[in-house]
Amino acid sequence: MTALRLTDIQKSYGDNHVLRDVNLTIEDGEFIVIVGPSGCGKSTMLRIIAGLEAPDEGIIELFDEVVNEMSPAQRGVAMVFQSYALYPHMTVFDNFKFSLKLAGLDDAEIHQRITDVADNLSLQDYLDRKPSELSGGQRQRVALGRALVRKPRMFLFDEPLSNLDAGLRMNTRIEIASLHRALKTPILYVTHDQTEAMTLADRIVVMRAGRIEQVGAPLELYNTPANRFVAGFIGSPAMNFISPDLLPELGAESVGVRPELLRVAEDGRLAGKVLHYERLGTDTHVIVQLPDDKKLTVRLVGQWEFDLGAPITLDFEDDKAVLFDAQGDRIPRASDP
């Protein structure tokens, strides 16, 4: 069953055209991650799906039913925001209970749902506490739990982990992935975090200036990006773009090479100097300045040392490069997966 279909969605605020001709289909059970620069329309798309805002044009279908005129409560979706949005005067239990009471559930059902969610999120010992008595990670789990107790047909996450430190982000990311595998409920998840996008998503939606640039599996976008924008946005460190003047034999307006695909080679085609390097333990990242003053990032496995300013020559396997035309679109190659 199709969980969500957006057809020709348009949204403007005055002269600011936030969403332009957005078309997207999501199947039941999919985990979809939406990425893009600030202001590209990611959060607005979620709010339109949730019913918190209305599109200027277009059709929203949830589980094969048009919901444009439905209220947020009627749509059966739950949204988890970047800010925890918890009721500060209520205990965790009462935060969970509030929406269930409004929905008219009896006390026995409410208690069972809260108990189940608290068990899943390891919040059993915190039900009597107020949000001010919890850590940031615990408050984020409460925000997640408040959505879970409603048993929605779809979850919408708007950068839910951005307020957490690195360790908590990883732990909570694992919890969300585990819950998705258990519940099979479709999820739309907005993030700026490359790791979250690559590790959580069944498919990634890349947006720019209100439009969808590409939709695909994480490795599809990584290996065969539709254009230079997607190529530069997906991946950390980002893809290198090399001038065709330095590699005329490849016959492209721009040559994209991932940092991990560059290697140090005595007879390499790319000659430059070491501008900076970072030793990360398992990897070493080297910033190389080319004769045209462009910079390359090289990701070398292992622990390397360099003299700053020293000459260095690099190369790569031609069939691993991504070629782009003058418009920035990828040129298909026989070696593409």
Protein backbone atom coordinates (compact mmCIF):
# COMPACT_ATOMS: atom_id res chain seq x y z
CA MET A 1 0.00 0.00 0.00
CA THR A 2 1.13 3.55 -0.70
CA ALA A 3 1.58 5.39 2.60
CA LEU A 4 2.00 8.88 1.17
CA ARG A 5 1.62 10.52 -2.21
CA LEU A 6 2.34 14.21 -2.77
CA THR A 7 1.24 15.52 -6.16
CA ASP A 8 2.34 18.91 -7.52
CA ILE A 9 2.65 20.52 -4.07
CA GLN A 10 3.23 24.29 -4.11
CA LYS A 11 3.76 26.56 -1.12
CA SER A 12 4.70 30.24 -0.93
CA TYR A 13 4.99 32.84 1.80
CA GLY A 14 4.59 36.10 -0.04
CA ASP A 15 7.30 36.19 -2.71
CA ASN A 16 9.19 33.30 -1.11
CA HIS A 17 8.35 30.15 -3.08
CA VAL A 18 9.16 27.47 -0.48
CA LEU A 19 7.94 24.33 -2.28
CA ARG A 20 7.88 23.99 -6.07
CA ASP A 21 6.21 21.12 -7.92
CA VAL A 22 6.93 18.56 -5.20
CA ASN A 23 5.99 15.02 -6.20
CA LEU A 24 6.85 12.14 -3.88
CA THR A 25 5.50 8.63 -3.27
CA ILE A 26 6.32 6.59 -0.15
CA GLU A 27 5.32 2.98 0.38
CA ASP A 28 4.02 1.56 3.65
CA GLY A 29 6.86 0.64 6.02
CA GLU A 30 9.53 2.77 4.33
CA PHE A 31 12.04 4.89 6.27
CA ILE A 32 12.57 8.05 4.20
CA VAL A 33 15.17 10.66 5.15
CA ILE A 34 14.90 14.19 3.73
CA VAL A 35 18.09 16.25 3.46
CA GLY A 36 19.01 19.60 1.98
CA PRO A 37 20.41 23.00 2.96
CA SER A 38 18.62 25.29 5.40
CA GLY A 39 15.57 26.92 3.84
CA CYS A 40 15.08 24.30 1.12
CA GLY A 41 11.56 23.40 2.33
CA LYS A 42 12.17 20.20 4.31
CA SER A 43 10.30 21.21 7.47
CA THR A 44 7.53 22.92 5.51
CA MET A 45 6.90 19.66 3.67
CA LEU A 46 6.50 17.80 6.98
CA ARG A 47 4.15 20.43 8.36
CA ILE A 48 1.98 20.23 5.23
CA ILE A 49 1.80 16.44 5.51
CA ALA A 50 0.88 16.73 9.21
CA GLY A 51 -1.84 19.29 8.45
CA LEU A 52 -0.18 22.07 10.41
CA GLU A 53 -0.02 24.11 7.21
CA ALA A 54 -1.96 23.94 3.95
CA PRO A 55 -0.40 23.83 0.49
CA ASP A 56 -1.28 26.55 -1.99
CA GLU A 57 -1.77 23.88 -4.64
CA GLY A 58 -1.47 20.12 -4.93
CA ILE A 59 -2.88 16.94 -3.44
CA ILE A 60 -1.86 15.10 -0.27
CA GLU A 61 -2.85 11.44 -0.01
CA LEU A 62 -2.28 9.29 3.06
CA PHE A 63 -2.92 5.56 2.65
CA ASP A 64 -4.80 6.20 -0.62
CA GLU A 65 -7.09 8.85 0.91
CA VAL A 66 -6.99 12.56 0.04
CA VAL A 67 -6.45 14.45 3.31
CA ASN A 68 -6.14 18.08 2.19
CA GLU A 69 -9.28 19.06 4.10
CA MET A 70 -8.62 16.86 7.15
CA SER A 71 -7.47 18.26 10.48
CA PRO A 72 -4.11 17.12 11.92
CA ALA A 73 -5.91 14.86 14.40
CA GLN A 74 -7.82 13.11 11.61
CA ARG A 75 -4.72 12.30 9.56
CA GLY A 76 -3.28 9.74 11.94
CA VAL A 77 0.29 11.03 11.81
CA ALA A 78 2.56 11.96 14.72
CA MET A 79 5.28 14.61 14.52
CA VAL A 80 8.41 14.77 16.67
CA PHE A 81 10.02 18.21 16.64
CA GLN A 82 13.60 19.41 17.07
CA SER A 83 12.52 21.11 20.29
CA TYR A 84 11.13 18.56 22.68
CA ALA A 85 7.80 20.44 22.98
CA LEU A 86 6.97 18.73 26.29
CA TYR A 87 4.51 20.13 28.81
CA PRO A 88 6.89 21.34 31.56
CA HIS A 89 4.29 21.22 34.36
CA MET A 90 3.34 17.60 33.64
CA THR A 91 5.13 14.41 34.59
CA VAL A 92 6.38 12.07 31.87
CA PHE A 93 3.34 9.87 32.48
CA ASP A 94 0.97 12.80 32.05
CA ASN A 95 2.81 13.98 28.92
CA PHE A 96 2.14 10.54 27.46
CA LYS A 97 -1.44 10.49 28.75
CA PHE A 98 -2.58 13.89 27.50
CA SER A 99 -3.25 13.08 23.83
CA LEU A 100 -4.65 9.65 24.67
CA LYS A 101 -7.20 11.19 27.02
CA LEU A 102 -8.22 13.66 24.33
CA ALA A 103 -8.68 10.74 21.96
CA GLY A 104 -11.21 9.22 24.40
CA LEU A 105 -9.26 6.09 25.37
CA ASP A 106 -10.20 4.41 28.65
CA ASP A 107 -7.78 4.32 31.59
CA ALA A 108 -6.84 0.67 31.12
CA GLU A 109 -5.84 1.19 27.48
CA ILE A 110 -3.95 4.38 28.34
CA HIS A 111 -2.01 2.65 31.11
CA GLN A 112 -1.13 -0.29 28.86
CA ARG A 113 0.10 1.91 26.01
CA ILE A 114 2.22 4.03 28.33
CA THR A 115 3.71 0.96 30.00
CA ASP A 116 4.61 -0.59 26.64
CA VAL A 117 6.26 2.57 25.32
CA ALA A 118 8.12 3.23 28.57
CA ASP A 119 9.50 -0.32 28.41
CA ASN A 120 10.62 0.10 24.80
CA LEU A 121 12.38 3.41 25.52
CA SER A 122 13.79 2.49 28.97
CA LEU A 123 11.72 5.21 30.65
CA GLN A 124 10.03 3.05 33.30
CA ASP A 125 11.91 4.77 36.14
CA TYR A 126 11.14 8.30 34.94
CA LEU A 127 7.36 8.32 34.57
CA ASP A 128 6.88 10.37 37.77
CA ARG A 129 9.47 13.00 36.84
CA LYS A 130 8.91 16.32 35.12
CA PRO A 131 10.92 17.30 32.01
CA SER A 132 13.16 19.66 34.01
CA GLU A 133 14.38 16.66 35.99
CA LEU A 134 15.52 14.76 32.89
CA SER A 135 18.64 14.87 30.75
CA GLY A 136 18.48 16.00 27.13
CA GLY A 137 18.56 12.41 25.91
CA GLN A 138 15.76 11.38 28.25
CA ARG A 139 13.61 14.33 27.19
CA GLN A 140 14.12 13.40 23.54
CA ARG A 141 13.02 9.85 24.30
CA VAL A 142 9.93 11.22 26.05
CA ALA A 143 9.13 13.29 22.95
CA LEU A 144 9.53 10.15 20.87
CA GLY A 145 7.39 8.17 23.30
CA ARG A 146 4.63 10.75 23.25
CA ALA A 147 4.35 10.12 19.51
CA LEU A 148 4.58 6.34 19.89
CA VAL A 149 1.72 6.02 22.39
CA ARG A 150 -0.69 7.39 19.83
CA LYS A 151 0.04 4.43 17.52
CA PRO A 152 -0.01 6.67 14.44
CA ARG A 153 -0.11 5.45 10.87
CA MET A 154 3.00 7.51 10.07
CA PHE A 155 5.80 9.28 11.97
CA LEU A 156 7.26 12.64 10.96
CA PHE A 157 10.60 13.57 12.55
CA ASP A 158 11.94 17.12 12.20
CA GLU A 159 15.64 16.98 13.19
CA PRO A 160 14.82 15.17 16.44
CA LEU A 161 18.43 14.50 17.48
CA SER A 162 20.10 17.82 16.72
CA ASN A 163 20.05 18.93 20.38
CA LEU A 164 21.89 15.81 21.57
CA ASP A 165 25.63 15.25 21.88
CA ALA A 166 27.37 12.74 19.60
CA GLY A 167 27.08 9.75 21.93
CA LEU A 168 23.38 10.29 22.64
CA ARG A 169 22.68 10.85 18.94
CA MET A 170 24.14 7.46 18.11
CA ASN A 171 22.24 5.69 20.89
CA THR A 172 18.93 7.36 20.03
CA ARG A 173 19.50 6.70 16.32
CA ILE A 174 19.85 2.99 17.14
CA GLU A 175 16.63 3.13 19.19
CA ILE A 176 14.72 4.76 16.32
CA ALA A 177 16.03 2.20 13.82
CA SER A 178 15.10 -0.66 16.15
CA LEU A 179 11.61 0.73 16.71
CA HIS A 180 11.09 1.08 12.98
CA ARG A 181 12.07 -2.52 12.38
CA ALA A 182 9.66 -3.63 15.10
CA LEU A 183 6.70 -1.39 14.21
CA LYS A 184 7.03 -1.25 10.40
CA THR A 185 5.38 2.20 10.54
CA PRO A 186 6.47 4.53 7.71
CA ILE A 187 8.78 7.35 8.79
CA LEU A 188 9.70 10.67 7.18
CA TYR A 189 12.81 11.99 8.89
CA VAL A 190 14.39 15.41 8.29
CA THR A 191 18.05 15.81 9.23
CA HIS A 192 21.26 17.70 8.42
CA ASP A 193 23.36 14.80 9.69
CA GLN A 194 25.01 12.73 6.95
CA THR A 195 25.44 9.71 9.21
CA GLU A 196 21.76 9.67 10.14
CA ALA A 197 20.76 9.92 6.49
CA MET A 198 23.08 7.19 5.23
CA THR A 199 22.47 4.72 8.07
CA LEU A 200 18.75 5.11 8.72
CA ALA A 201 17.19 5.59 5.29
CA ASP A 202 15.66 3.09 2.93
CA ARG A 203 15.64 6.03 0.53
CA ILE A 204 16.96 9.59 0.76
CA VAL A 205 15.19 12.65 -0.67
CA VAL A 206 17.60 15.47 -1.56
CA MET A 207 16.00 18.92 -1.76
CA ARG A 208 17.23 22.30 -2.98
CA ALA A 209 15.32 25.58 -3.17
CA GLY A 210 11.93 23.91 -2.72
CA ARG A 211 12.47 21.21 -5.32
CA ILE A 212 13.35 17.53 -5.07
CA GLU A 213 16.69 16.97 -6.81
CA GLN A 214 16.90 13.18 -6.44
CA VAL A 215 15.30 10.30 -4.57
CA GLY A 216 17.12 7.01 -4.12
CA ALA A 217 18.79 4.49 -1.84
CA PRO A 218 21.75 5.91 0.12
CA LEU A 219 24.45 4.17 -1.93
CA GLU A 220 22.63 5.01 -5.18
CA LEU A 221 22.89 8.71 -4.36
CA TYR A 222 26.48 8.30 -3.17
CA ASN A 223 27.69 6.41 -6.24
CA THR A 224 25.49 7.81 -9.01
CA PRO A 225 24.29 11.29 -8.01
CA ALA A 226 21.97 12.95 -10.49
CA ASN A 227 23.95 16.19 -10.53
CA ARG A 228 26.78 18.14 -8.93
CA PHE A 229 24.53 19.45 -6.17
CA VAL A 230 23.58 15.96 -4.96
CA ALA A 231 27.16 14.77 -5.40
CA GLY A 232 28.48 17.59 -3.23
CA PHE A 233 25.75 17.31 -0.63
CA ILE A 234 25.87 13.55 -0.01
CA GLY A 235 29.07 12.30 1.60
CA SER A 236 31.44 13.50 4.30
CA PRO A 237 34.06 14.63 3.45
CA ALA A 238 32.34 15.98 0.37
CA MET A 239 33.13 14.93 -3.19
CA ASN A 240 36.02 16.73 -4.89
CA PHE A 241 35.29 18.57 -8.15
CA ILE A 242 38.29 18.81 -10.44
CA SER A 243 38.70 21.22 -13.34
CA PRO A 244 38.57 19.59 -16.81
CA ASP A 245 41.78 21.50 -17.66
CA LEU A 246 43.68 19.17 -15.32
CA LEU A 247 42.07 16.01 -16.74
CA PRO A 248 41.25 16.77 -20.40
CA GLU A 249 41.39 13.09 -21.36
CA LEU A 250 38.12 12.41 -19.49
CA GLY A 251 36.12 14.75 -21.73
CA ALA A 252 33.87 16.29 -19.06
CA GLU A 253 33.14 19.81 -17.81
CA SER A 254 33.69 18.66 -14.23
CA VAL A 255 35.20 15.51 -12.75
CA GLY A 256 33.95 14.35 -9.35
CA VAL A 257 36.13 12.08 -7.21
CA ARG A 258 35.34 10.91 -3.68
CA PRO A 259 38.14 11.62 -1.14
CA GLU A 260 38.64 7.92 -0.38
CA LEU A 261 39.22 7.14 -4.07
CA LEU A 262 42.26 9.40 -4.39
CA ARG A 263 45.65 7.82 -3.70
CA VAL A 264 49.19 9.10 -3.34
CA ALA A 265 51.11 8.15 -6.49
CA GLU A 266 54.60 9.15 -7.65
CA ASP A 267 53.46 9.48 -11.27
CA GLY A 268 49.99 10.84 -10.44
CA ARG A 269 48.17 13.20 -12.80
CA LEU A 270 47.24 15.65 -10.05
CA ALA A 271 50.18 17.56 -8.61
CA GLY A 272 49.82 19.96 -5.70
CA LYS A 273 51.10 20.77 -2.24
CA VAL A 274 50.01 19.72 1.23
CA LEU A 275 48.04 22.57 2.76
CA HIS A 276 46.82 20.79 5.88
CA TYR A 277 46.22 17.30 7.24
CA GLU A 278 44.20 15.80 10.07
CA ARG A 279 45.08 12.53 11.80
CA LEU A 280 41.88 10.80 12.91
CA GLY A 281 43.41 7.53 14.06
CA THR A 282 41.96 5.10 11.52
CA ASP A 283 42.10 7.69 8.70
CA THR A 284 44.16 10.69 7.69
CA HIS A 285 42.49 13.55 5.82
CA VAL A 286 44.84 15.60 3.63
CA ILE A 287 43.95 18.97 2.10
CA VAL A 288 45.87 19.45 -1.14
CA GLN A 289 46.12 22.75 -3.02
CA LEU A 290 46.21 22.35 -6.81
CA PRO A 291 47.92 24.72 -9.29
CA ASP A 292 44.56 26.37 -10.06
CA ASP A 293 44.21 27.14 -6.31
CA LYS A 294 41.35 24.64 -5.98
CA LYS A 295 41.57 22.32 -3.01
CA LEU A 296 41.14 18.56 -2.82
CA THR A 297 40.39 16.44 0.22
CA VAL A 298 42.13 13.07 0.28
CA ARG A 299 41.03 10.38 2.71
CA LEU A 300 43.87 7.93 3.36
CA VAL A 301 43.47 4.78 5.40
CA GLY A 302 45.86 4.60 8.33
CA GLN A 303 48.16 7.07 10.05
CA TRP A 304 50.14 9.31 7.72
CA GLU A 305 52.38 12.32 8.26
CA PHE A 306 53.25 15.09 5.82
CA ASP A 307 55.35 18.23 5.73
CA LEU A 308 53.13 21.25 5.23
CA GLY A 309 53.83 22.83 1.87
CA ALA A 310 55.49 19.68 0.57
CA PRO A 311 54.71 18.57 -3.02
CA ILE A 312 52.32 15.66 -3.45
CA THR A 313 50.98 13.83 -6.50
CA LEU A 314 47.66 12.03 -6.59
CA ASP A 315 45.73 9.76 -8.91
CA PHE A 316 42.56 7.66 -9.09
CA GLU A 317 40.92 4.98 -11.20
CA ASP A 318 39.10 6.67 -14.08
CA ASP A 319 36.07 4.38 -13.86
CA LYS A 320 35.51 5.48 -10.25
CA ALA A 321 35.11 9.15 -11.18
CA VAL A 322 31.73 10.82 -11.71
CA LEU A 323 31.56 13.02 -14.80
CA PHE A 324 29.34 16.09 -15.15
CA ASP A 325 28.29 18.13 -18.18
CA ALA A 326 28.18 21.91 -18.52
CA GLN A 327 24.73 22.03 -16.83
CA GLY A 328 26.03 20.07 -13.84
CA ASP A 329 24.14 16.87 -14.68
CA ARG A 330 25.89 13.54 -14.35
CA ILE A 331 27.04 11.95 -17.59
CA PRO A 332 26.04 8.26 -17.54
CA ARG A 333 28.89 5.80 -17.92
CA ALA A 334 29.07 2.08 -18.69
CA SER A 335 30.68 1.51 -15.27
CA ASP A 336 27.74 3.02 -13.36
CA PRO A 337 26.15 0.49 -10.96
